[in-house]
Each structure stands twice: as structure tokens, then as C-alpha cells.
Amino acid sequence: MLRVGFPANLNADLLSIMPAEIELISLPDGLDHDVEIDVWIPDPYPTRAQRVCPRLRGVRLVLSLMAGTEWIPAAVGPHVTICNAHGSHNICTAEWTLSAILSMLKYLPLYLDIQHAGDWRRRREATEQYVRLTGDTQRLYPPVMLEELTGKTVLIVGYGSIAKDIERMLEPFHVHLLRVARSPRTDPLVHAVAELDSLLPEADVIVLILPLTPESRGLIGAKQLGLMRQGALLVNVARGPIVDTNALVDALNSGTIRAALDVTDPEPLPTGHPLWNCPNLLITPHVGGSSPQFAPRALKTAADELRRFMNGEPLQNVVQAAI
């Protein structure tokens, strides 16, 4: 019987969708002895999963509940097949992205500060912020209090399944879309990464939704931030190290761009880090995929993959094939 290890803090009711012909092995965070399993479903939090991993023996297949699996190959080695939860995070992550874009363009962080201050007169700060960010002084009567997403140019960097859902949610706003990915294509038009620098000056909003790889690490550095048009919004819902943090801090403090981040480098962002105090910045603590629907959706993906594995069928979401 196939032995499948799962994080002990997972709601056991959610495991009812797993095949009946397996033995489920609960793996507590403080596991203090070796455990023999065939399939491992790691804890979604890498730090907890990495504490358990050295105690596991016999693992042949890892079924991650996350889209990103960058830490797993080094932890389990090349002899283990690794699958991710492709598609399980699409809706929640895409909704976060759209919410972040609208929050920044509608100046909601500023208006929340005004609400807490209880001073209606501070609304004029929205106009001042708009002028500082964009340099636009021509359309100030009546005073500008927010901006519109409709008609803006949005550059999506990384064109996988989550990006396609972001694009779908942007459709009602009639934005002009630019797409960049590792593999260029024509239907729809997707530009090669080599064209990124030439596209950045055209975009009002830049959305990063690509995996962290040696090639993508530091993809957005001082040069790329400098190429962005004044007042552009950078949205990172991918991985923190894709952006050079020091360069981002400098760009935000210069007042030339703004950003919305669900991921940072380092992560978690330590107390006192200069990024916390940058202007024109919204930070959420890597919550983009953390809706109540995440676990059921990801576990269904894992269960479907497990059935294929048991039946000798090709696996669908392989990110590392065993050597």
C-alpha cells in the first residue's frame, strides 16, 4: 500500500478526496524520528517542511500544494519526481493582483491614513501625491483625487496560467496588454524576455508573475526601474528576489515610481528594514494565495496527480522528473 505523508496541521476532513487505497501518514512539524513514505505532500510553509524533510525515507514523489517549488529539488535530490499545484492558486492570486492595482491607483493606502487621522482636509494630499508621482500639472481642476485603470497599458512579465487569469480579470477595464515570457509566441503576442527593457517605458503598470530561476533572479534591477515611466506601478506577486530590493528602495524614495508587493527579499521582511518606510508602497505579507479555497483546490490537484501515479499514467504537473 502506498504510504503518503502529509502535514499534521492539515485539516483531516480535506483528505477525504484522497484515493482509498493509500495509507496516510501524519507528519508533525517537530518530527523526531525517521519515517518511511512513498509520496510526500509538504507543508505549504517551506521552513516547516524543511524541518521535516531530513526525517523522510523512501520518497519517490513530492506533490507540492504550491505553484513555486524552488526549494524542493535541493531538499529531496534529483532521484525524486516533483509536481506542483498548477492552477490551484490562479483565482486568488489574480484577484490580489487586480485589487493591488486598483488600491494603488485609487490611493486607498493614503485614504486609509486619512481615515485613521480623522482629518477630511488631508484629502488634498491625493492631488499632491499625483503631481509628485506623475509630474502632471495640466489636469488639476477639479483636483485629481485618484486615477483610472481603464485605458492604461499593463505589462505582464511571465505568461503562465496565473497570468492568463490576471489578463481575464483585466478585460473589463479595456487595458492595452503587453506580455513577456521566456518563450515568445504569436497568439496571443508574447514578447521574449530580451525585449523587456524596450517595453518597460511603455507600461503604466508592470505585473511580475514568473517563477524564480537563475535567469529571473534580479531581473528587475536599477536599470529596469530607471526605464519605467514616471509614476509607473510595479506589482510583484511572484517572488521577492526577482526584484533588486536595494534598487527598489532607491527608486521608491526618489518618488519616480510606486509599487505593490506581496513578496519581498528578504522574506519575511525584518523589522526595521528600509522597505517598510518607503513612500508610494503597499506591502502584504505573501498572502496572495491564502484564501479559504486554497487548501481544497490544491489537495484536489494533488489527489488527481496521486491517482495518475498509482495507475501508471503520465503526471500532469511535473517540475522535476526523477533521474
Protein backbone atom coordinates (compact mmCIF):
# COMPACT_ATOMS: atom_id res chain seq x y z
CA MET A 1 0.00 0.00 0.00
CA LEU A 2 1.31 3.43 -0.97
CA ARG A 3 2.34 5.49 2.07
CA VAL A 4 1.55 9.20 1.70
CA GLY A 5 2.94 11.69 4.22
CA PHE A 6 1.06 14.93 4.86
CA PRO A 7 1.48 17.87 7.28
CA ALA A 8 -0.18 17.12 10.60
CA ASN A 9 -1.70 20.60 10.84
CA LEU A 10 -3.76 19.96 7.71
CA ASN A 11 -7.50 19.58 8.29
CA ALA A 12 -8.06 15.81 8.09
CA ASP A 13 -11.53 16.32 6.55
CA LEU A 14 -9.87 17.74 3.44
CA LEU A 15 -8.04 14.44 2.89
CA SER A 16 -11.27 12.56 2.21
CA ILE A 17 -10.74 13.17 -1.51
CA MET A 18 -7.55 11.11 -1.49
CA PRO A 19 -7.64 7.59 -3.02
CA ALA A 20 -8.90 4.97 -0.57
CA GLU A 21 -6.06 2.58 -1.47
CA ILE A 22 -3.34 4.56 0.33
CA GLU A 23 -2.08 4.86 3.88
CA LEU A 24 -1.99 8.43 5.12
CA ILE A 25 0.92 9.26 7.43
CA SER A 26 0.65 12.39 9.57
CA LEU A 27 3.95 14.31 9.78
CA PRO A 28 4.11 16.75 12.72
CA ASP A 29 6.29 19.84 12.50
CA GLY A 30 8.52 18.56 15.30
CA LEU A 31 9.07 15.11 13.79
CA ASP A 32 11.87 13.48 15.84
CA HIS A 33 12.28 10.09 14.15
CA ASP A 34 12.69 8.70 10.63
CA VAL A 35 9.55 7.87 8.65
CA GLU A 36 9.27 5.69 5.56
CA ILE A 37 6.88 7.08 2.94
CA ASP A 38 6.47 6.85 -0.83
CA VAL A 39 4.78 10.18 -1.51
CA TRP A 40 5.27 13.45 0.36
CA ILE A 41 2.81 16.34 0.48
CA PRO A 42 4.97 19.07 2.08
CA ASP A 43 3.70 21.75 4.40
CA PRO A 44 2.96 24.88 2.32
CA TYR A 45 5.31 26.82 4.59
CA PRO A 46 8.85 25.92 3.45
CA THR A 47 10.52 26.48 6.82
CA ARG A 48 8.29 23.86 8.42
CA ALA A 49 8.60 21.45 5.51
CA GLN A 50 12.40 21.77 5.52
CA ARG A 51 12.49 20.70 9.18
CA VAL A 52 10.55 17.53 8.36
CA CYS A 53 12.37 16.60 5.16
CA PRO A 54 15.58 15.16 6.70
CA ARG A 55 13.48 12.59 8.59
CA LEU A 56 11.82 11.18 5.47
CA ARG A 57 12.97 7.96 3.84
CA GLY A 58 11.96 6.34 0.56
CA VAL A 59 10.26 9.33 -1.03
CA ARG A 60 9.67 8.83 -4.75
CA LEU A 61 7.16 11.58 -5.45
CA VAL A 62 6.59 15.05 -3.98
CA LEU A 63 3.17 16.65 -4.50
CA SER A 64 3.57 20.29 -3.59
CA LEU A 65 0.48 22.30 -2.67
CA MET A 66 2.18 25.42 -4.02
CA ALA A 67 2.92 26.68 -7.52
CA GLY A 68 6.51 27.56 -6.59
CA THR A 69 8.80 24.63 -5.77
CA GLU A 70 12.23 26.26 -5.97
CA TRP A 71 13.48 24.96 -2.61
CA ILE A 72 12.33 21.33 -3.04
CA PRO A 73 14.86 19.91 -5.59
CA ALA A 74 17.82 20.68 -3.35
CA ALA A 75 15.99 19.21 -0.35
CA VAL A 76 14.98 15.86 -1.88
CA GLY A 77 17.60 15.37 -4.60
CA PRO A 78 17.39 14.51 -8.31
CA HIS A 79 16.04 10.97 -7.83
CA VAL A 80 12.58 12.23 -6.76
CA THR A 81 9.78 13.37 -9.07
CA ILE A 82 8.29 16.72 -8.06
CA CYS A 83 4.88 18.05 -9.07
CA ASN A 84 3.43 21.45 -8.24
CA ALA A 85 -0.17 22.57 -7.73
CA HIS A 86 -0.50 24.12 -11.17
CA GLY A 87 -3.71 26.15 -11.42
CA SER A 88 -4.66 25.92 -7.74
CA HIS A 89 -3.65 29.49 -6.90
CA ASN A 90 -4.86 31.21 -10.05
CA ILE A 91 -8.07 32.82 -8.86
CA CYS A 92 -6.88 34.12 -5.51
CA THR A 93 -3.55 35.39 -6.83
CA ALA A 94 -5.16 37.06 -9.83
CA GLU A 95 -7.75 38.72 -7.58
CA TRP A 96 -4.98 40.00 -5.28
CA THR A 97 -3.19 41.45 -8.29
CA LEU A 98 -6.26 43.28 -9.54
CA SER A 99 -7.03 44.52 -6.01
CA ALA A 100 -3.48 45.80 -5.54
CA ILE A 101 -3.53 47.66 -8.85
CA LEU A 102 -6.85 49.32 -8.07
CA SER A 103 -5.85 50.10 -4.47
CA MET A 104 -2.77 51.97 -5.62
CA LEU A 105 -4.47 53.80 -8.49
CA LYS A 106 -7.34 54.84 -6.19
CA TYR A 107 -4.86 55.92 -3.46
CA LEU A 108 -6.55 53.70 -0.89
CA PRO A 109 -3.47 53.44 1.38
CA LEU A 110 -3.46 57.25 1.62
CA TYR A 111 -7.19 57.41 2.27
CA LEU A 112 -6.87 54.78 4.99
CA ASP A 113 -4.27 57.00 6.67
CA ILE A 114 -6.68 59.94 6.35
CA GLN A 115 -9.46 57.84 7.88
CA HIS A 116 -7.28 56.92 10.84
CA ALA A 117 -6.22 60.55 11.26
CA GLY A 118 -9.86 61.67 11.16
CA ASP A 119 -8.95 64.75 9.12
CA TRP A 120 -11.02 65.22 5.94
CA ARG A 121 -8.87 68.20 4.92
CA ARG A 122 -5.96 65.88 4.20
CA ARG A 123 -7.69 64.72 1.03
CA ARG A 124 -5.70 67.39 -0.82
CA GLU A 125 -2.67 65.15 -0.23
CA ALA A 126 -4.01 62.91 -3.00
CA THR A 127 -3.55 65.71 -5.52
CA GLU A 128 -0.06 66.42 -4.20
CA GLN A 129 0.83 62.75 -4.44
CA TYR A 130 -0.48 62.57 -8.01
CA VAL A 131 1.63 65.56 -9.07
CA ARG A 132 4.78 64.21 -7.39
CA LEU A 133 4.37 60.79 -8.96
CA THR A 134 3.39 61.71 -12.47
CA GLY A 135 4.70 65.23 -12.95
CA ASP A 136 1.31 66.10 -14.45
CA THR A 137 0.12 69.60 -13.56
CA GLN A 138 -2.23 70.09 -16.51
CA ARG A 139 -5.42 68.38 -15.29
CA LEU A 140 -5.83 69.66 -11.76
CA TYR A 141 -9.27 71.27 -11.90
CA PRO A 142 -11.21 69.81 -10.36
CA PRO A 143 -8.37 68.43 -8.19
CA VAL A 144 -7.19 64.92 -9.05
CA MET A 145 -8.09 62.58 -6.17
CA LEU A 146 -7.47 59.21 -7.85
CA GLU A 147 -6.61 57.60 -11.18
CA GLU A 148 -8.36 55.24 -13.59
CA LEU A 149 -7.18 51.80 -14.65
CA THR A 150 -9.30 51.86 -17.80
CA GLY A 151 -7.19 52.52 -20.87
CA LYS A 152 -3.83 52.10 -19.19
CA THR A 153 -1.02 49.91 -20.57
CA VAL A 154 -0.31 46.82 -18.46
CA LEU A 155 2.85 44.78 -18.98
CA ILE A 156 2.63 41.20 -17.67
CA VAL A 157 6.04 39.60 -17.13
CA GLY A 158 5.61 35.83 -17.09
CA TYR A 159 2.75 34.30 -19.06
CA GLY A 160 1.66 31.12 -17.31
CA SER A 161 -1.77 30.10 -16.07
CA ILE A 162 -1.97 32.72 -13.31
CA ALA A 163 -1.05 35.46 -15.77
CA LYS A 164 -3.85 34.35 -18.06
CA ASP A 165 -6.36 34.71 -15.21
CA ILE A 166 -4.95 38.16 -14.40
CA GLU A 167 -5.45 39.06 -18.05
CA ARG A 168 -9.03 37.74 -17.96
CA MET A 169 -9.83 39.88 -14.91
CA LEU A 170 -8.33 42.96 -16.56
CA GLU A 171 -10.51 42.63 -19.66
CA PRO A 172 -13.43 44.80 -18.40
CA PHE A 173 -11.01 47.70 -17.94
CA HIS A 174 -10.04 47.75 -21.63
CA VAL A 175 -6.35 48.00 -20.86
CA HIS A 176 -3.68 47.68 -23.51
CA LEU A 177 -1.81 44.48 -22.71
CA LEU A 178 1.86 43.73 -23.27
CA ARG A 179 3.19 40.26 -22.44
CA VAL A 180 6.70 38.97 -21.81
CA ALA A 181 7.77 35.37 -21.22
CA ARG A 182 10.78 33.10 -21.58
CA SER A 183 9.25 31.59 -24.73
CA PRO A 184 7.88 34.17 -27.20
CA ARG A 185 4.77 33.31 -29.21
CA THR A 186 2.33 34.93 -31.60
CA ASP A 187 -1.23 34.03 -30.50
CA PRO A 188 -1.57 36.00 -28.35
CA LEU A 189 1.54 38.08 -28.90
CA VAL A 190 4.10 37.33 -26.19
CA HIS A 191 7.48 39.05 -26.37
CA ALA A 192 10.78 37.46 -25.42
CA VAL A 193 12.46 38.43 -22.15
CA ALA A 194 15.20 40.04 -24.23
CA GLU A 195 12.63 42.70 -25.22
CA LEU A 196 11.70 43.59 -21.64
CA ASP A 197 13.85 46.71 -21.40
CA SER A 198 12.34 48.16 -24.56
CA LEU A 199 8.79 47.53 -23.30
CA LEU A 200 9.16 48.92 -19.78
CA PRO A 201 8.93 52.60 -20.82
CA GLU A 202 5.56 51.89 -22.48
CA ALA A 203 3.82 50.48 -19.39
CA ASP A 204 1.75 52.23 -16.74
CA VAL A 205 1.54 49.01 -14.71
CA ILE A 206 4.12 46.19 -14.64
CA VAL A 207 2.98 42.87 -13.15
CA LEU A 208 5.60 40.26 -12.22
CA ILE A 209 4.17 36.73 -12.19
CA LEU A 210 7.07 34.48 -13.21
CA PRO A 211 8.93 31.71 -11.38
CA LEU A 212 12.19 32.35 -9.58
CA THR A 213 15.02 30.84 -11.61
CA PRO A 214 18.70 31.70 -12.02
CA GLU A 215 17.67 33.71 -15.09
CA SER A 216 14.86 35.64 -13.38
CA ARG A 217 16.74 36.44 -10.15
CA GLY A 218 17.42 40.19 -10.18
CA LEU A 219 15.55 40.60 -13.47
CA ILE A 220 14.26 43.98 -12.26
CA GLY A 221 17.25 46.00 -11.14
CA ALA A 222 18.30 49.63 -11.10
CA LYS A 223 18.44 49.79 -14.89
CA GLN A 224 14.94 48.40 -15.37
CA LEU A 225 13.46 50.58 -12.62
CA GLY A 226 15.07 53.57 -14.29
CA LEU A 227 13.45 52.68 -17.60
CA MET A 228 9.94 52.77 -16.14
CA ARG A 229 7.91 55.84 -16.94
CA GLN A 230 7.36 58.37 -14.16
CA GLY A 231 4.54 57.22 -11.88
CA ALA A 232 4.55 53.63 -13.14
CA LEU A 233 3.27 50.95 -10.77
CA LEU A 234 5.35 47.80 -10.21
CA VAL A 235 3.33 44.83 -8.87
CA ASN A 236 5.29 41.82 -7.64
CA VAL A 237 3.14 38.77 -6.94
CA ALA A 238 5.87 36.32 -7.98
CA ARG A 239 8.99 36.01 -5.81
CA GLY A 240 10.92 38.70 -3.94
CA PRO A 241 14.40 38.09 -5.41
CA ILE A 242 13.14 38.82 -8.93
CA VAL A 243 13.46 42.48 -7.89
CA ASP A 244 16.67 44.04 -6.57
CA THR A 245 15.43 45.30 -3.19
CA ASN A 246 18.09 47.98 -2.72
CA ALA A 247 17.38 49.39 -6.16
CA LEU A 248 13.65 49.34 -5.46
CA VAL A 249 14.12 51.22 -2.18
CA ASP A 250 16.12 53.89 -4.02
CA ALA A 251 13.52 54.19 -6.79
CA LEU A 252 10.62 54.48 -4.34
CA ASN A 253 12.42 57.05 -2.22
CA SER A 254 13.18 59.10 -5.33
CA GLY A 255 9.44 59.36 -5.92
CA THR A 256 9.62 58.26 -9.54
CA ILE A 257 7.63 55.01 -9.28
CA ARG A 258 5.25 53.18 -6.94
CA ALA A 259 4.91 49.52 -6.05
CA ALA A 260 2.62 46.88 -4.59
CA LEU A 261 4.38 43.82 -3.20
CA ASP A 262 3.04 40.53 -1.90
CA VAL A 263 6.59 39.16 -1.84
CA THR A 264 9.87 40.68 -0.70
CA ASP A 265 13.57 39.92 -0.48
CA PRO A 266 14.34 39.14 2.27
CA GLU A 267 11.21 37.30 3.34
CA PRO A 268 9.84 37.62 5.90
CA LEU A 269 10.74 41.28 5.79
CA PRO A 270 12.53 42.02 9.09
CA THR A 271 11.53 44.75 11.49
CA GLY A 272 13.32 47.99 10.68
CA HIS A 273 14.00 47.13 7.03
CA PRO A 274 14.03 50.33 4.92
CA LEU A 275 11.37 48.93 2.60
CA TRP A 276 8.74 49.28 5.35
CA ASN A 277 9.05 53.07 5.29
CA CYS A 278 9.23 53.71 1.55
CA PRO A 279 6.64 56.07 0.08
CA ASN A 280 4.11 55.05 -2.55
CA LEU A 281 4.29 51.42 -1.49
CA LEU A 282 1.75 48.76 -0.49
CA ILE A 283 3.10 45.58 1.14
CA THR A 284 1.15 42.46 2.06
CA PRO A 285 2.94 39.51 3.76
CA HIS A 286 2.81 36.89 0.99
CA VAL A 287 -0.92 36.28 1.31
CA GLY A 288 -1.85 36.30 -2.39
CA GLY A 289 -2.85 32.62 -2.49
CA SER A 290 -4.20 32.27 1.04
CA SER A 291 -7.98 32.14 0.58
CA PRO A 292 -10.26 29.53 2.22
CA GLN A 293 -10.48 27.82 -1.17
CA PHE A 294 -6.73 27.30 -1.46
CA ALA A 295 -6.36 24.04 0.50
CA PRO A 296 -9.34 22.19 -1.05
CA ARG A 297 -8.29 23.24 -4.54
CA ALA A 298 -4.61 22.33 -4.06
CA LEU A 299 -5.43 19.00 -2.42
CA LYS A 300 -7.75 18.08 -5.27
CA THR A 301 -4.87 18.75 -7.66
CA ALA A 302 -2.61 16.55 -5.53
CA ALA A 303 -5.24 13.79 -5.30
CA ASP A 304 -5.72 13.74 -9.07
CA GLU A 305 -1.97 13.54 -9.57
CA LEU A 306 -1.71 10.75 -7.00
CA ARG A 307 -4.33 8.68 -8.85
CA ARG A 308 -2.38 9.07 -12.07
CA PHE A 309 0.79 7.96 -10.26
CA MET A 310 -0.96 4.87 -8.84
CA ASN A 311 -2.40 3.96 -12.24
CA GLY A 312 0.91 4.34 -14.04
CA GLU A 313 -0.40 7.28 -16.06
CA PRO A 314 1.68 10.33 -17.06
CA LEU A 315 1.76 13.02 -14.40
CA GLN A 316 0.49 16.45 -15.45
CA ASN A 317 2.33 18.95 -13.27
CA VAL A 318 5.91 17.67 -13.26
CA VAL A 319 8.54 20.31 -12.49
CA GLN A 320 11.32 17.76 -11.90
CA ALA A 321 11.37 14.29 -13.39
CA ALA A 322 13.33 11.71 -11.38
CA ILE A 323 16.67 10.74 -12.85
